[in-house]
């Protein structure tokens, strides 16, 4: 049977292989070695030791690690060779004007601290539990989605390693794909809030990956997210092509001063807190601030109880 389709394998084995390949591609060879040591006598993971399903496992691992890099390398080379050309012939400067770097808005101190903990928890690995806990935190604080997206984009260039940056992108991907998968007719508020920041989240990750290893896997993994976002209707193909062109070149033209966005590393001053009605003050014990871009009385949600435990285990 053809390894590419996993034909002939039991459905549960095929699913186990796909999940394992995805996690190992995300977390690297050290994680794979740990899994192998822990499951050496486990027949359910015989594919790790050339047992049943080994060919399909190698195929899936190669797909997660290696399918995107040729696309990423081609995009990078094309952008370097012809920096003025963009998606569909659009000028690169025009794309910079079309996708301006969004303004940066501050978060309340406790939310900023919690977001920092979420990001720090993803440094060693992007485990399913850590990503799910991070997504739950973003969803609970969806009223501040624009500010959260801006803080993520602002922090990414300062993370020390390419894997850490990529793990944070996996969190963003999980937030977006989970909302896109909902069929309850609810507005896609998180997608709408995060979309303007996507070029500026992907770009520092891609550039760092290319600088570290031009032919490595990580730059391809960044570009593969664009493909996944098109498949999940988070972006349309034109938007993905435009973002790809913005992400790939080492340098971008400066936008005209009149259209330049506020630099993300110089946040505007926070407005003074607004005191809500007596009912809100009595219910929560303290005056509730007015969130930037929100409505008076819209309270952010605390970190879910299970999240603190998940993050503590992962840090």
C-alpha atoms as a PDB file:
ATOM      1  CA  UNK A   1       0.000   0.000   0.000  1.00  0.00           C
ATOM      2  CA  UNK A   2       1.138   3.553  -0.680  1.00  0.00           C
ATOM      3  CA  UNK A   3       2.676   5.117   2.428  1.00  0.00           C
ATOM      4  CA  UNK A   4       1.352   8.571   1.479  1.00  0.00           C
ATOM      5  CA  UNK A   5      -2.212   7.593   2.250  1.00  0.00           C
ATOM      6  CA  UNK A   6      -1.574   5.136   5.061  1.00  0.00           C
ATOM      7  CA  UNK A   7      -3.769   2.641   3.224  1.00  0.00           C
ATOM      8  CA  UNK A   8      -3.916  -0.765   4.814  1.00  0.00           C
ATOM      9  CA  UNK A   9      -3.284   0.574   8.311  1.00  0.00           C
ATOM     10  CA  UNK A  10      -5.900   0.400  11.042  1.00  0.00           C
ATOM     11  CA  UNK A  11      -7.616   3.780  11.487  1.00  0.00           C
ATOM     12  CA  UNK A  12      -6.486   4.138  15.105  1.00  0.00           C
ATOM     13  CA  UNK A  13      -2.878   3.357  14.151  1.00  0.00           C
ATOM     14  CA  UNK A  14      -2.982   5.807  11.264  1.00  0.00           C
ATOM     15  CA  UNK A  15      -4.325   8.532  13.550  1.00  0.00           C
ATOM     16  CA  UNK A  16      -1.696   7.758  16.195  1.00  0.00           C
ATOM     17  CA  UNK A  17       1.048   8.041  13.585  1.00  0.00           C
ATOM     18  CA  UNK A  18      -0.275  11.367  12.293  1.00  0.00           C
ATOM     19  CA  UNK A  19      -0.493  12.883  15.773  1.00  0.00           C
ATOM     20  CA  UNK A  20       2.956  11.635  16.752  1.00  0.00           C
ATOM     21  CA  UNK A  21       4.539  12.897  13.516  1.00  0.00           C
ATOM     22  CA  UNK A  22       3.016  16.334  14.019  1.00  0.00           C
ATOM     23  CA  UNK A  23       4.267  16.606  17.616  1.00  0.00           C
ATOM     24  CA  UNK A  24       7.763  15.383  16.789  1.00  0.00           C
ATOM     25  CA  UNK A  25       8.018  17.738  13.808  1.00  0.00           C
ATOM     26  CA  UNK A  26       7.055  20.604  16.122  1.00  0.00           C
ATOM     27  CA  UNK A  27       9.297  19.753  19.039  1.00  0.00           C
ATOM     28  CA  UNK A  28      12.377  18.309  17.365  1.00  0.00           C
ATOM     29  CA  UNK A  29      14.659  15.284  17.600  1.00  0.00           C
ATOM     30  CA  UNK A  30      15.203  15.536  21.359  1.00  0.00           C
ATOM     31  CA  UNK A  31      11.486  15.100  21.900  1.00  0.00           C
ATOM     32  CA  UNK A  32      11.463  12.154  19.486  1.00  0.00           C
ATOM     33  CA  UNK A  33      14.283  10.478  21.404  1.00  0.00           C
ATOM     34  CA  UNK A  34      12.400  10.954  24.679  1.00  0.00           C
ATOM     35  CA  UNK A  35       9.274   9.373  23.183  1.00  0.00           C
ATOM     36  CA  UNK A  36      11.292   6.447  21.826  1.00  0.00           C
ATOM     37  CA  UNK A  37      12.924   5.779  25.195  1.00  0.00           C
ATOM     38  CA  UNK A  38       9.587   5.803  27.004  1.00  0.00           C
ATOM     39  CA  UNK A  39       7.809   3.517  24.530  1.00  0.00           C
ATOM     40  CA  UNK A  40      10.474   0.992  23.607  1.00  0.00           C
ATOM     41  CA  UNK A  41       8.278  -1.914  24.774  1.00  0.00           C
ATOM     42  CA  UNK A  42       4.952  -0.411  23.713  1.00  0.00           C
ATOM     43  CA  UNK A  43       3.555  -2.184  20.623  1.00  0.00           C
ATOM     44  CA  UNK A  44       1.286   0.798  19.907  1.00  0.00           C
ATOM     45  CA  UNK A  45       4.398   2.760  18.927  1.00  0.00           C
ATOM     46  CA  UNK A  46       6.176   0.065  16.950  1.00  0.00           C
ATOM     47  CA  UNK A  47       6.288   2.451  13.973  1.00  0.00           C
ATOM     48  CA  UNK A  48       9.002   4.380  15.825  1.00  0.00           C
ATOM     49  CA  UNK A  49      11.222   1.277  15.567  1.00  0.00           C
ATOM     50  CA  UNK A  50      10.595   0.243  11.935  1.00  0.00           C
ATOM     51  CA  UNK A  51       7.504  -1.736  12.904  1.00  0.00           C
ATOM     52  CA  UNK A  52       4.068  -1.589  11.295  1.00  0.00           C
ATOM     53  CA  UNK A  53       3.360   1.873   9.910  1.00  0.00           C
ATOM     54  CA  UNK A  54       7.016   2.976   9.887  1.00  0.00           C
ATOM     55  CA  UNK A  55       6.901   4.001   6.213  1.00  0.00           C
ATOM     56  CA  UNK A  56       3.779   6.087   6.762  1.00  0.00           C
ATOM     57  CA  UNK A  57       5.311   7.636   9.885  1.00  0.00           C
ATOM     58  CA  UNK A  58       8.431   8.655   7.957  1.00  0.00           C
ATOM     59  CA  UNK A  59       6.267  10.053   5.186  1.00  0.00           C
ATOM     60  CA  UNK A  60       4.162  12.138   7.599  1.00  0.00           C
ATOM     61  CA  UNK A  61       7.253  13.339   9.462  1.00  0.00           C
ATOM     62  CA  UNK A  62       8.829  14.393   6.172  1.00  0.00           C
ATOM     63  CA  UNK A  63       5.618  16.164   5.178  1.00  0.00           C
ATOM     64  CA  UNK A  64       5.491  18.174   8.390  1.00  0.00           C
ATOM     65  CA  UNK A  65       9.189  18.960   8.307  1.00  0.00           C
ATOM     66  CA  UNK A  66      10.066  19.202   4.675  1.00  0.00           C
ATOM     67  CA  UNK A  67       7.155  19.878   2.331  1.00  0.00           C
ATOM     68  CA  UNK A  68       7.005  23.633   2.802  1.00  0.00           C
ATOM     69  CA  UNK A  69      10.712  24.650   2.607  1.00  0.00           C
ATOM     70  CA  UNK A  70      10.972  24.660  -1.213  1.00  0.00           C
ATOM     71  CA  UNK A  71       8.013  27.055  -1.300  1.00  0.00           C
ATOM     72  CA  UNK A  72       9.551  29.199   1.408  1.00  0.00           C
ATOM     73  CA  UNK A  73      12.965  29.249  -0.221  1.00  0.00           C
ATOM     74  CA  UNK A  74      11.436  30.093  -3.594  1.00  0.00           C
ATOM     75  CA  UNK A  75       9.436  32.952  -2.104  1.00  0.00           C
ATOM     76  CA  UNK A  76      12.528  34.288  -0.341  1.00  0.00           C
ATOM     77  CA  UNK A  77      14.695  34.092  -3.463  1.00  0.00           C
ATOM     78  CA  UNK A  78      12.028  35.658  -5.648  1.00  0.00           C
ATOM     79  CA  UNK A  79      11.512  38.514  -3.223  1.00  0.00           C
ATOM     80  CA  UNK A  80      15.236  39.171  -2.980  1.00  0.00           C
ATOM     81  CA  UNK A  81      15.673  39.021  -6.751  1.00  0.00           C
ATOM     82  CA  UNK A  82      12.737  41.331  -7.491  1.00  0.00           C
ATOM     83  CA  UNK A  83      11.889  43.346  -4.368  1.00  0.00           C
ATOM     84  CA  UNK A  84       9.415  45.573  -6.173  1.00  0.00           C
ATOM     85  CA  UNK A  85       7.143  42.748  -7.330  1.00  0.00           C
ATOM     86  CA  UNK A  86       4.387  41.471  -5.098  1.00  0.00           C
ATOM     87  CA  UNK A  87       1.457  39.054  -5.268  1.00  0.00           C
ATOM     88  CA  UNK A  88      -0.319  39.234  -8.594  1.00  0.00           C
ATOM     89  CA  UNK A  89       2.169  41.865  -9.784  1.00  0.00           C
ATOM     90  CA  UNK A  90       1.390  44.262  -6.937  1.00  0.00           C
ATOM     91  CA  UNK A  91       4.208  46.581  -5.952  1.00  0.00           C
ATOM     92  CA  UNK A  92       5.833  45.740  -2.611  1.00  0.00           C
ATOM     93  CA  UNK A  93       5.408  49.310  -1.413  1.00  0.00           C
ATOM     94  CA  UNK A  94       1.708  49.073  -2.232  1.00  0.00           C
ATOM     95  CA  UNK A  95       1.444  45.894  -0.152  1.00  0.00           C
ATOM     96  CA  UNK A  96       3.119  47.664   2.767  1.00  0.00           C
ATOM     97  CA  UNK A  97       0.463  50.368   2.496  1.00  0.00           C
ATOM     98  CA  UNK A  98      -2.281  47.745   2.194  1.00  0.00           C
ATOM     99  CA  UNK A  99      -1.034  45.829   5.262  1.00  0.00           C
ATOM    100  CA  UNK A 100       0.243  48.594   7.576  1.00  0.00           C
ATOM    101  CA  UNK A 101       1.796  47.630  10.858  1.00  0.00           C
ATOM    102  CA  UNK A 102      -1.151  48.050  13.260  1.00  0.00           C
ATOM    103  CA  UNK A 103      -0.969  50.416  16.228  1.00  0.00           C
ATOM    104  CA  UNK A 104       0.118  48.993  19.550  1.00  0.00           C
ATOM    105  CA  UNK A 105      -2.285  49.347  22.478  1.00  0.00           C
ATOM    106  CA  UNK A 106      -1.359  48.526  26.084  1.00  0.00           C
ATOM    107  CA  UNK A 107      -2.900  45.776  28.142  1.00  0.00           C
ATOM    108  CA  UNK A 108      -3.813  45.961  31.797  1.00  0.00           C
ATOM    109  CA  UNK A 109      -0.840  44.939  33.924  1.00  0.00           C
ATOM    110  CA  UNK A 110      -2.352  41.640  35.081  1.00  0.00           C
ATOM    111  CA  UNK A 111      -3.286  40.644  31.523  1.00  0.00           C
ATOM    112  CA  UNK A 112       0.169  41.539  30.268  1.00  0.00           C
ATOM    113  CA  UNK A 113       1.713  39.388  32.985  1.00  0.00           C
ATOM    114  CA  UNK A 114      -0.590  36.462  32.181  1.00  0.00           C
ATOM    115  CA  UNK A 115       0.186  36.707  28.465  1.00  0.00           C
ATOM    116  CA  UNK A 116       3.890  36.714  29.306  1.00  0.00           C
ATOM    117  CA  UNK A 117       3.391  33.488  31.255  1.00  0.00           C
ATOM    118  CA  UNK A 118       1.528  31.924  28.330  1.00  0.00           C
ATOM    119  CA  UNK A 119       4.344  32.816  25.929  1.00  0.00           C
ATOM    120  CA  UNK A 120       7.071  31.688  28.344  1.00  0.00           C
ATOM    121  CA  UNK A 121       5.356  28.326  28.834  1.00  0.00           C
ATOM    122  CA  UNK A 122       5.775  27.600  25.107  1.00  0.00           C
ATOM    123  CA  UNK A 123       9.559  27.992  25.079  1.00  0.00           C
ATOM    124  CA  UNK A 124      10.534  24.336  25.644  1.00  0.00           C
ATOM    125  CA  UNK A 125       7.798  22.807  23.484  1.00  0.00           C
ATOM    126  CA  UNK A 126       4.378  23.431  21.954  1.00  0.00           C
ATOM    127  CA  UNK A 127       2.581  20.524  23.580  1.00  0.00           C
ATOM    128  CA  UNK A 128      -1.100  20.061  22.887  1.00  0.00           C
ATOM    129  CA  UNK A 129      -2.015  20.913  26.488  1.00  0.00           C
ATOM    130  CA  UNK A 130       0.045  24.106  26.576  1.00  0.00           C
ATOM    131  CA  UNK A 131      -1.339  25.310  23.255  1.00  0.00           C
ATOM    132  CA  UNK A 132      -4.888  24.455  24.326  1.00  0.00           C
ATOM    133  CA  UNK A 133      -4.428  26.276  27.643  1.00  0.00           C
ATOM    134  CA  UNK A 134      -3.042  29.314  25.853  1.00  0.00           C
ATOM    135  CA  UNK A 135      -5.961  29.322  23.429  1.00  0.00           C
ATOM    136  CA  UNK A 136      -8.430  29.078  26.329  1.00  0.00           C
ATOM    137  CA  UNK A 137      -6.820  32.139  27.898  1.00  0.00           C
ATOM    138  CA  UNK A 138      -7.086  34.124  24.647  1.00  0.00           C
ATOM    139  CA  UNK A 139     -10.719  33.079  24.216  1.00  0.00           C
ATOM    140  CA  UNK A 140     -11.565  34.045  27.795  1.00  0.00           C
ATOM    141  CA  UNK A 141     -10.088  37.481  27.139  1.00  0.00           C
ATOM    142  CA  UNK A 142     -11.496  37.873  23.640  1.00  0.00           C
ATOM    143  CA  UNK A 143     -12.797  41.363  24.463  1.00  0.00           C
ATOM    144  CA  UNK A 144      -9.129  42.421  24.390  1.00  0.00           C
ATOM    145  CA  UNK A 145      -8.232  40.419  21.273  1.00  0.00           C
ATOM    146  CA  UNK A 146      -6.728  43.347  19.350  1.00  0.00           C
ATOM    147  CA  UNK A 147      -4.480  44.282  22.249  1.00  0.00           C
ATOM    148  CA  UNK A 148      -3.461  40.646  22.786  1.00  0.00           C
ATOM    149  CA  UNK A 149      -2.606  40.216  19.092  1.00  0.00           C
ATOM    150  CA  UNK A 150      -0.527  43.392  19.206  1.00  0.00           C
ATOM    151  CA  UNK A 151       1.389  42.236  22.262  1.00  0.00           C
ATOM    152  CA  UNK A 152       2.121  38.859  20.675  1.00  0.00           C
ATOM    153  CA  UNK A 153       3.392  40.553  17.507  1.00  0.00           C
ATOM    154  CA  UNK A 154       5.452  42.950  19.610  1.00  0.00           C
ATOM    155  CA  UNK A 155       7.056  40.187  21.709  1.00  0.00           C
ATOM    156  CA  UNK A 156       7.886  37.743  18.908  1.00  0.00           C
ATOM    157  CA  UNK A 157      11.033  39.530  17.622  1.00  0.00           C
ATOM    158  CA  UNK A 158      12.489  39.476  21.136  1.00  0.00           C
ATOM    159  CA  UNK A 159      12.164  35.733  21.733  1.00  0.00           C
ATOM    160  CA  UNK A 160      15.617  34.195  21.725  1.00  0.00           C
ATOM    161  CA  UNK A 161      15.133  31.084  19.616  1.00  0.00           C
ATOM    162  CA  UNK A 162      13.415  30.209  16.353  1.00  0.00           C
ATOM    163  CA  UNK A 163      11.579  27.221  17.916  1.00  0.00           C
ATOM    164  CA  UNK A 164      10.122  29.447  20.645  1.00  0.00           C
ATOM    165  CA  UNK A 165       8.837  31.901  18.036  1.00  0.00           C
ATOM    166  CA  UNK A 166       7.387  29.045  16.031  1.00  0.00           C
ATOM    167  CA  UNK A 167       5.654  27.620  19.111  1.00  0.00           C
ATOM    168  CA  UNK A 168       3.936  30.970  19.678  1.00  0.00           C
ATOM    169  CA  UNK A 169       2.796  30.919  16.049  1.00  0.00           C
ATOM    170  CA  UNK A 170       1.284  27.481  16.685  1.00  0.00           C
ATOM    171  CA  UNK A 171      -0.713  29.040  19.512  1.00  0.00           C
ATOM    172  CA  UNK A 172      -1.949  31.763  17.142  1.00  0.00           C
ATOM    173  CA  UNK A 173      -2.786  29.080  14.574  1.00  0.00           C
ATOM    174  CA  UNK A 174      -4.799  27.137  17.143  1.00  0.00           C
ATOM    175  CA  UNK A 175      -6.752  30.250  18.126  1.00  0.00           C
ATOM    176  CA  UNK A 176      -7.587  30.996  14.493  1.00  0.00           C
ATOM    177  CA  UNK A 177      -8.419  27.491  13.313  1.00  0.00           C
ATOM    178  CA  UNK A 178     -10.602  26.764  16.347  1.00  0.00           C
ATOM    179  CA  UNK A 179     -12.704  29.839  15.704  1.00  0.00           C
ATOM    180  CA  UNK A 180     -12.833  29.140  11.956  1.00  0.00           C
ATOM    181  CA  UNK A 181     -14.142  25.634  12.659  1.00  0.00           C
ATOM    182  CA  UNK A 182     -17.146  26.897  14.613  1.00  0.00           C
ATOM    183  CA  UNK A 183     -20.380  26.623  12.677  1.00  0.00           C
ATOM    184  CA  UNK A 184     -22.684  28.361  15.146  1.00  0.00           C
ATOM    185  CA  UNK A 185     -22.983  31.534  13.118  1.00  0.00           C
ATOM    186  CA  UNK A 186     -21.092  33.600  15.696  1.00  0.00           C
ATOM    187  CA  UNK A 187     -18.945  36.466  14.391  1.00  0.00           C
ATOM    188  CA  UNK A 188     -15.291  35.582  13.907  1.00  0.00           C
ATOM    189  CA  UNK A 189     -14.082  38.280  16.264  1.00  0.00           C
ATOM    190  CA  UNK A 190     -10.690  36.698  17.014  1.00  0.00           C
ATOM    191  CA  UNK A 191      -9.884  36.162  13.343  1.00  0.00           C
ATOM    192  CA  UNK A 192     -10.888  39.736  12.591  1.00  0.00           C
ATOM    193  CA  UNK A 193      -8.701  41.047  15.430  1.00  0.00           C
ATOM    194  CA  UNK A 194      -5.632  38.924  14.636  1.00  0.00           C
ATOM    195  CA  UNK A 195      -5.645  39.155  10.828  1.00  0.00           C
ATOM    196  CA  UNK A 196      -4.015  42.632  10.495  1.00  0.00           C
ATOM    197  CA  UNK A 197      -1.134  41.435  12.690  1.00  0.00           C
ATOM    198  CA  UNK A 198      -0.415  38.184  10.834  1.00  0.00           C
ATOM    199  CA  UNK A 199       2.274  39.562   8.459  1.00  0.00           C
ATOM    200  CA  UNK A 200       4.027  41.129  11.428  1.00  0.00           C
ATOM    201  CA  UNK A 201       3.865  37.915  13.436  1.00  0.00           C
ATOM    202  CA  UNK A 202       5.128  35.706  10.617  1.00  0.00           C
ATOM    203  CA  UNK A 203       7.835  38.050   9.357  1.00  0.00           C
ATOM    204  CA  UNK A 204      10.238  38.038  12.352  1.00  0.00           C
ATOM    205  CA  UNK A 205       9.874  34.264  12.643  1.00  0.00           C
ATOM    206  CA  UNK A 206      10.603  33.666   8.968  1.00  0.00           C
ATOM    207  CA  UNK A 207      13.523  36.090   8.844  1.00  0.00           C
ATOM    208  CA  UNK A 208      15.138  34.596  11.948  1.00  0.00           C
ATOM    209  CA  UNK A 209      14.709  31.078  10.542  1.00  0.00           C
ATOM    210  CA  UNK A 210      16.257  32.066   7.209  1.00  0.00           C
ATOM    211  CA  UNK A 211      19.184  33.766   8.956  1.00  0.00           C
ATOM    212  CA  UNK A 212      19.811  30.722  11.150  1.00  0.00           C
ATOM    213  CA  UNK A 213      19.404  28.074   8.433  1.00  0.00           C
ATOM    214  CA  UNK A 214      18.329  29.133   4.910  1.00  0.00           C
ATOM    215  CA  UNK A 215      17.649  25.532   3.901  1.00  0.00           C
ATOM    216  CA  UNK A 216      16.243  24.381   7.239  1.00  0.00           C
ATOM    217  CA  UNK A 217      12.751  23.290   8.192  1.00  0.00           C
ATOM    218  CA  UNK A 218      11.613  26.198  10.315  1.00  0.00           C
ATOM    219  CA  UNK A 219      11.208  28.788   7.551  1.00  0.00           C
ATOM    220  CA  UNK A 220       9.041  26.305   5.672  1.00  0.00           C
ATOM    221  CA  UNK A 221       6.911  25.693   8.732  1.00  0.00           C
ATOM    222  CA  UNK A 222       6.217  29.422   8.952  1.00  0.00           C
ATOM    223  CA  UNK A 223       5.080  29.564   5.326  1.00  0.00           C
ATOM    224  CA  UNK A 224       3.024  26.411   5.724  1.00  0.00           C
ATOM    225  CA  UNK A 225       0.798  28.250   8.183  1.00  0.00           C
ATOM    226  CA  UNK A 226      -0.343  30.501   5.342  1.00  0.00           C
ATOM    227  CA  UNK A 227      -1.358  27.430   3.354  1.00  0.00           C
ATOM    228  CA  UNK A 228      -3.271  26.048   6.336  1.00  0.00           C
ATOM    229  CA  UNK A 229      -5.037  29.361   6.883  1.00  0.00           C
ATOM    230  CA  UNK A 230      -6.239  29.348   3.288  1.00  0.00           C
ATOM    231  CA  UNK A 231      -7.460  25.760   3.620  1.00  0.00           C
ATOM    232  CA  UNK A 232      -9.411  26.718   6.766  1.00  0.00           C
ATOM    233  CA  UNK A 233     -10.870  29.890   5.185  1.00  0.00           C
ATOM    234  CA  UNK A 234      -9.042  32.147   7.647  1.00  0.00           C
ATOM    235  CA  UNK A 235      -7.383  33.915   4.711  1.00  0.00           C
ATOM    236  CA  UNK A 236      -8.341  33.984   1.077  1.00  0.00           C
ATOM    237  CA  UNK A 237      -5.666  33.012  -1.468  1.00  0.00           C
ATOM    238  CA  UNK A 238      -4.931  36.618  -2.425  1.00  0.00           C
ATOM    239  CA  UNK A 239      -4.387  37.627   1.203  1.00  0.00           C
ATOM    240  CA  UNK A 240      -2.058  34.661   1.743  1.00  0.00           C
ATOM    241  CA  UNK A 241      -0.040  35.539  -1.361  1.00  0.00           C
ATOM    242  CA  UNK A 242       0.286  39.150  -0.248  1.00  0.00           C
ATOM    243  CA  UNK A 243       1.394  38.169   3.254  1.00  0.00           C
ATOM    244  CA  UNK A 244       3.889  35.695   1.796  1.00  0.00           C
ATOM    245  CA  UNK A 245       5.444  38.484  -0.256  1.00  0.00           C
ATOM    246  CA  UNK A 246       5.628  40.772   2.778  1.00  0.00           C
ATOM    247  CA  UNK A 247       7.188  38.076   4.953  1.00  0.00           C
ATOM    248  CA  UNK A 248       9.924  36.915   2.572  1.00  0.00           C
ATOM    249  CA  UNK A 249      12.178  39.903   1.704  1.00  0.00           C
ATOM    250  CA  UNK A 250      14.916  40.865   4.193  1.00  0.00           C
ATOM    251  CA  UNK A 251      13.977  44.551   3.909  1.00  0.00           C
ATOM    252  CA  UNK A 252      10.670  46.303   3.295  1.00  0.00           C
ATOM    253  CA  UNK A 253      10.157  49.801   1.899  1.00  0.00           C
ATOM    254  CA  UNK A 254       9.113  52.372   4.428  1.00  0.00           C
ATOM    255  CA  UNK A 255       5.472  53.476   4.216  1.00  0.00           C
ATOM    256  CA  UNK A 256       4.823  57.178   3.521  1.00  0.00           C
ATOM    257  CA  UNK A 257       4.925  59.222   6.745  1.00  0.00           C
ATOM    258  CA  UNK A 258       1.245  60.113   6.472  1.00  0.00           C
ATOM    259  CA  UNK A 259       0.293  56.413   6.349  1.00  0.00           C
ATOM    260  CA  UNK A 260       2.934  54.987   8.643  1.00  0.00           C
ATOM    261  CA  UNK A 261       1.496  53.171  11.633  1.00  0.00           C
ATOM    262  CA  UNK A 262       2.559  53.993  15.161  1.00  0.00           C
ATOM    263  CA  UNK A 263       5.793  52.076  15.898  1.00  0.00           C
ATOM    264  CA  UNK A 264       4.922  48.943  17.806  1.00  0.00           C
ATOM    265  CA  UNK A 265       7.769  49.412  20.278  1.00  0.00           C
ATOM    266  CA  UNK A 266       6.473  52.816  21.432  1.00  0.00           C
ATOM    267  CA  UNK A 267       3.049  52.164  22.970  1.00  0.00           C
ATOM    268  CA  UNK A 268       0.675  55.093  23.448  1.00  0.00           C
ATOM    269  CA  UNK A 269      -0.051  56.190  27.007  1.00  0.00           C
ATOM    270  CA  UNK A 270      -2.782  54.262  28.767  1.00  0.00           C
ATOM    271  CA  UNK A 271      -6.008  56.190  29.427  1.00  0.00           C
ATOM    272  CA  UNK A 272      -7.070  56.743  33.034  1.00  0.00           C
ATOM    273  CA  UNK A 273      -9.376  54.048  34.423  1.00  0.00           C
ATOM    274  CA  UNK A 274     -13.083  54.698  34.310  1.00  0.00           C
ATOM    275  CA  UNK A 275     -15.305  53.841  37.267  1.00  0.00           C
ATOM    276  CA  UNK A 276     -18.420  51.900  36.361  1.00  0.00           C
ATOM    277  CA  UNK A 277     -21.749  51.892  38.130  1.00  0.00           C
ATOM    278  CA  UNK A 278     -22.285  50.880  41.714  1.00  0.00           C
ATOM    279  CA  UNK A 279     -23.578  47.459  40.708  1.00  0.00           C
ATOM    280  CA  UNK A 280     -20.318  46.524  38.968  1.00  0.00           C
ATOM    281  CA  UNK A 281     -18.217  47.897  41.821  1.00  0.00           C
ATOM    282  CA  UNK A 282     -20.220  45.932  44.369  1.00  0.00           C
ATOM    283  CA  UNK A 283     -20.054  42.718  42.347  1.00  0.00           C
ATOM    284  CA  UNK A 284     -16.293  42.741  41.767  1.00  0.00           C
ATOM    285  CA  UNK A 285     -15.037  44.812  44.694  1.00  0.00           C
ATOM    286  CA  UNK A 286     -13.002  47.294  42.622  1.00  0.00           C
ATOM    287  CA  UNK A 287     -13.750  49.774  39.841  1.00  0.00           C
ATOM    288  CA  UNK A 288     -13.591  48.132  36.414  1.00  0.00           C
ATOM    289  CA  UNK A 289     -11.363  49.856  33.807  1.00  0.00           C
ATOM    290  CA  UNK A 290     -12.529  50.686  30.330  1.00  0.00           C
ATOM    291  CA  UNK A 291     -10.599  48.387  27.952  1.00  0.00           C
ATOM    292  CA  UNK A 292      -9.047  50.052  24.928  1.00  0.00           C
ATOM    293  CA  UNK A 293     -11.351  49.508  22.010  1.00  0.00           C
ATOM    294  CA  UNK A 294     -13.966  48.033  24.347  1.00  0.00           C
ATOM    295  CA  UNK A 295     -17.006  49.246  26.222  1.00  0.00           C
ATOM    296  CA  UNK A 296     -17.203  50.525  29.800  1.00  0.00           C
ATOM    297  CA  UNK A 297     -17.982  47.654  32.098  1.00  0.00           C
ATOM    298  CA  UNK A 298     -16.515  44.944  29.827  1.00  0.00           C
ATOM    299  CA  UNK A 299     -14.456  42.912  32.236  1.00  0.00           C
ATOM    300  CA  UNK A 300     -11.573  40.689  31.149  1.00  0.00           C
ATOM    301  CA  UNK A 301     -11.690  37.105  32.271  1.00  0.00           C
ATOM    302  CA  UNK A 302      -9.156  35.580  34.660  1.00  0.00           C
ATOM    303  CA  UNK A 303      -6.879  32.727  33.740  1.00  0.00           C
ATOM    304  CA  UNK A 304      -8.882  29.477  33.885  1.00  0.00           C
ATOM    305  CA  UNK A 305      -8.083  27.351  36.906  1.00  0.00           C
ATOM    306  CA  UNK A 306      -6.798  24.460  34.803  1.00  0.00           C
ATOM    307  CA  UNK A 307      -4.493  26.723  32.858  1.00  0.00           C
ATOM    308  CA  UNK A 308      -2.240  27.612  35.777  1.00  0.00           C
ATOM    309  CA  UNK A 309      -1.663  23.911  36.429  1.00  0.00           C
ATOM    310  CA  UNK A 310      -0.985  23.199  32.739  1.00  0.00           C
ATOM    311  CA  UNK A 311       1.448  26.081  32.472  1.00  0.00           C
ATOM    312  CA  UNK A 312       3.211  25.119  35.686  1.00  0.00           C
ATOM    313  CA  UNK A 313       3.759  21.633  34.352  1.00  0.00           C
ATOM    314  CA  UNK A 314       5.131  22.922  31.082  1.00  0.00           C
ATOM    315  CA  UNK A 315       7.540  25.507  32.513  1.00  0.00           C
END
